C-alpha atoms as a PDB file:
ATOM      1  CA  MET A   1      30.082  13.898  23.509  1.00  0.00           C
ATOM      2  CA  LEU A   2      26.576  14.025  22.044  1.00  0.00           C
ATOM      3  CA  ILE A   3      27.175  11.172  19.565  1.00  0.00           C
ATOM      4  CA  THR A   4      29.829   8.545  19.594  1.00  0.00           C
ATOM      5  CA  ARG A   5      32.419   8.056  16.840  1.00  0.00           C
ATOM      6  CA  GLU A   6      30.653   4.827  15.916  1.00  0.00           C
ATOM      7  CA  GLN A   7      27.291   6.661  15.533  1.00  0.00           C
ATOM      8  CA  ALA A   8      28.994   9.307  13.367  1.00  0.00           C
ATOM      9  CA  GLU A   9      30.464   6.521  11.101  1.00  0.00           C
ATOM     10  CA  ASN A  10      27.121   4.785  11.016  1.00  0.00           C
ATOM     11  CA  ARG A  11      25.511   8.074   9.917  1.00  0.00           C
ATOM     12  CA  LYS A  12      27.948   8.391   6.995  1.00  0.00           C
ATOM     13  CA  TYR A  13      27.115   4.770   6.006  1.00  0.00           C
ATOM     14  CA  TRP A  14      23.319   5.631   6.040  1.00  0.00           C
ATOM     15  CA  ILE A  15      23.841   8.949   4.069  1.00  0.00           C
ATOM     16  CA  ASP A  16      25.492   6.953   1.271  1.00  0.00           C
ATOM     17  CA  GLU A  17      22.961   4.040   1.553  1.00  0.00           C
ATOM     18  CA  ILE A  18      20.003   6.487   1.187  1.00  0.00           C
ATOM     19  CA  SER A  19      21.415   7.774  -2.065  1.00  0.00           C
ATOM     20  CA  ARG A  20      21.408   4.241  -3.422  1.00  0.00           C
ATOM     21  CA  LEU A  21      17.806   3.521  -2.607  1.00  0.00           C
ATOM     22  CA  SER A  22      15.483   2.987  -5.571  1.00  0.00           C
ATOM     23  CA  GLY A  23      12.947   5.776  -4.762  1.00  0.00           C
ATOM     24  CA  ASP A  24      10.090   3.182  -4.460  1.00  0.00           C
ATOM     25  CA  PHE A  25       8.621   3.888  -1.062  1.00  0.00           C
ATOM     26  CA  GLY A  26       7.266   0.385  -0.409  1.00  0.00           C
ATOM     27  CA  ILE A  27      10.367  -1.473  -1.349  1.00  0.00           C
ATOM     28  CA  ASP A  28      12.719   1.033   0.233  1.00  0.00           C
ATOM     29  CA  ALA A  29      10.849   1.270   3.546  1.00  0.00           C
ATOM     30  CA  LYS A  30      10.757  -2.529   3.984  1.00  0.00           C
ATOM     31  CA  LYS A  31      14.491  -2.759   3.191  1.00  0.00           C
ATOM     32  CA  VAL A  32      15.487   0.059   5.457  1.00  0.00           C
ATOM     33  CA  GLU A  33      13.307  -1.119   8.284  1.00  0.00           C
ATOM     34  CA  GLN A  34      14.708  -4.613   8.089  1.00  0.00           C
ATOM     35  CA  GLU A  35      18.309  -3.334   8.100  1.00  0.00           C
ATOM     36  CA  LEU A  36      17.565  -1.017  11.004  1.00  0.00           C
ATOM     37  CA  SER A  37      15.972  -3.790  13.016  1.00  0.00           C
ATOM     38  CA  GLN A  38      18.870  -6.026  12.502  1.00  0.00           C
ATOM     39  CA  GLU A  39      21.322  -3.379  13.371  1.00  0.00           C
ATOM     40  CA  VAL A  40      19.467  -2.756  16.627  1.00  0.00           C
ATOM     41  CA  GLN A  41      19.361  -6.427  17.403  1.00  0.00           C
ATOM     42  CA  GLU A  42      23.117  -6.686  16.844  1.00  0.00           C
ATOM     43  CA  HIS A  43      24.311  -3.426  18.435  1.00  0.00           C
ATOM     44  CA  GLY A  44      21.578  -2.768  21.087  1.00  0.00           C
ATOM     45  CA  ILE A  45      19.448   0.172  21.942  1.00  0.00           C
ATOM     46  CA  ASP A  46      22.301   2.687  21.690  1.00  0.00           C
ATOM     47  CA  SER A  47      22.244   2.129  17.936  1.00  0.00           C
ATOM     48  CA  LEU A  48      18.610   3.157  17.792  1.00  0.00           C
ATOM     49  CA  ILE A  49      19.166   6.089  20.060  1.00  0.00           C
ATOM     50  CA  GLY A  50      21.867   7.288  17.711  1.00  0.00           C
ATOM     51  CA  HIS A  51      19.446   7.213  14.792  1.00  0.00           C
ATOM     52  CA  LEU A  52      16.788   8.991  16.743  1.00  0.00           C
ATOM     53  CA  ARG A  53      19.213  11.758  17.730  1.00  0.00           C
ATOM     54  CA  LEU A  54      20.142  12.324  14.082  1.00  0.00           C
ATOM     55  CA  CYS A  55      16.721  12.062  12.466  1.00  0.00           C
ATOM     56  CA  GLY A  56      16.308  15.841  12.205  1.00  0.00           C
ATOM     57  CA  ALA A  57      19.783  16.499  10.847  1.00  0.00           C
ATOM     58  CA  ILE A  58      19.530  16.657   7.092  1.00  0.00           C
ATOM     59  CA  PRO A  59      22.912  16.346   5.368  1.00  0.00           C
ATOM     60  CA  GLU A  60      23.991  19.536   3.631  1.00  0.00           C
ATOM     61  CA  ARG A  61      24.708  17.573   0.413  1.00  0.00           C
ATOM     62  CA  TYR A  62      20.966  16.843   0.079  1.00  0.00           C
ATOM     63  CA  GLY A  63      19.249  19.555  -1.903  1.00  0.00           C
ATOM     64  CA  HIS A  64      15.947  21.082  -0.800  1.00  0.00           C
ATOM     65  CA  ASP A  65      13.092  18.719  -1.894  1.00  0.00           C
ATOM     66  CA  SER A  66      15.622  16.437  -3.617  1.00  0.00           C
ATOM     67  CA  SER A  67      15.132  12.748  -4.054  1.00  0.00           C
ATOM     68  CA  GLU A  68      17.708  12.139  -1.274  1.00  0.00           C
ATOM     69  CA  SER A  69      15.744  14.343   1.080  1.00  0.00           C
ATOM     70  CA  ARG A  70      12.579  12.402   0.342  1.00  0.00           C
ATOM     71  CA  LYS A  71      14.432   9.107   0.815  1.00  0.00           C
ATOM     72  CA  LEU A  72      15.687  10.393   4.106  1.00  0.00           C
ATOM     73  CA  THR A  73      12.123  11.016   5.177  1.00  0.00           C
ATOM     74  CA  ASN A  74      11.479   7.357   4.373  1.00  0.00           C
ATOM     75  CA  LYS A  75      14.455   6.403   6.574  1.00  0.00           C
ATOM     76  CA  ILE A  76      13.171   8.551   9.385  1.00  0.00           C
ATOM     77  CA  ARG A  77       9.794   6.776   9.140  1.00  0.00           C
ATOM     78  CA  ALA A  78      11.546   3.441   9.341  1.00  0.00           C
ATOM     79  CA  VAL A  79      13.543   4.534  12.428  1.00  0.00           C
ATOM     80  CA  GLN A  80      10.265   5.617  14.054  1.00  0.00           C
ATOM     81  CA  SER A  81       8.690   2.328  13.172  1.00  0.00           C
ATOM     82  CA  VAL A  82      11.601   0.293  14.628  1.00  0.00           C
ATOM     83  CA  ALA A  83      11.452   2.431  17.808  1.00  0.00           C
ATOM     84  CA  GLU A  84       7.619   1.973  18.129  1.00  0.00           C
ATOM     85  CA  ASN A  85       7.978  -1.847  17.585  1.00  0.00           C
ATOM     86  CA  GLY A  86      10.678  -1.966  20.163  1.00  0.00           C
ATOM     87  CA  ILE A  87       8.442  -0.146  22.663  1.00  0.00           C
ATOM     88  CA  LEU A  88       5.550  -2.435  21.965  1.00  0.00           C
ATOM     89  CA  HIS A  89       7.727  -5.476  22.663  1.00  0.00           C
ATOM     90  CA  LEU A  90       8.772  -4.047  26.035  1.00  0.00           C
ATOM     91  CA  GLU A  91       5.113  -3.881  27.207  1.00  0.00           C
END
């Protein structure tokens, strides 16, 4: 299995969560990054790996160049930031 059932459920949560974001990049980025960091602390590296695996998969319900697709881009940046911060803490 490429992704676990838990990762698939988590993906559904984040798809819904992204649609609820305000659209203000600064506020949204901070909120998403904090939530992702907490999730990784609670559930471990597998949680982060699940997010990284799914970063390039844009949900079909997001229209081309829609507000949701732009918000997803912000979430992807937050995932990358959490991953980079985690790597820096390992050094």
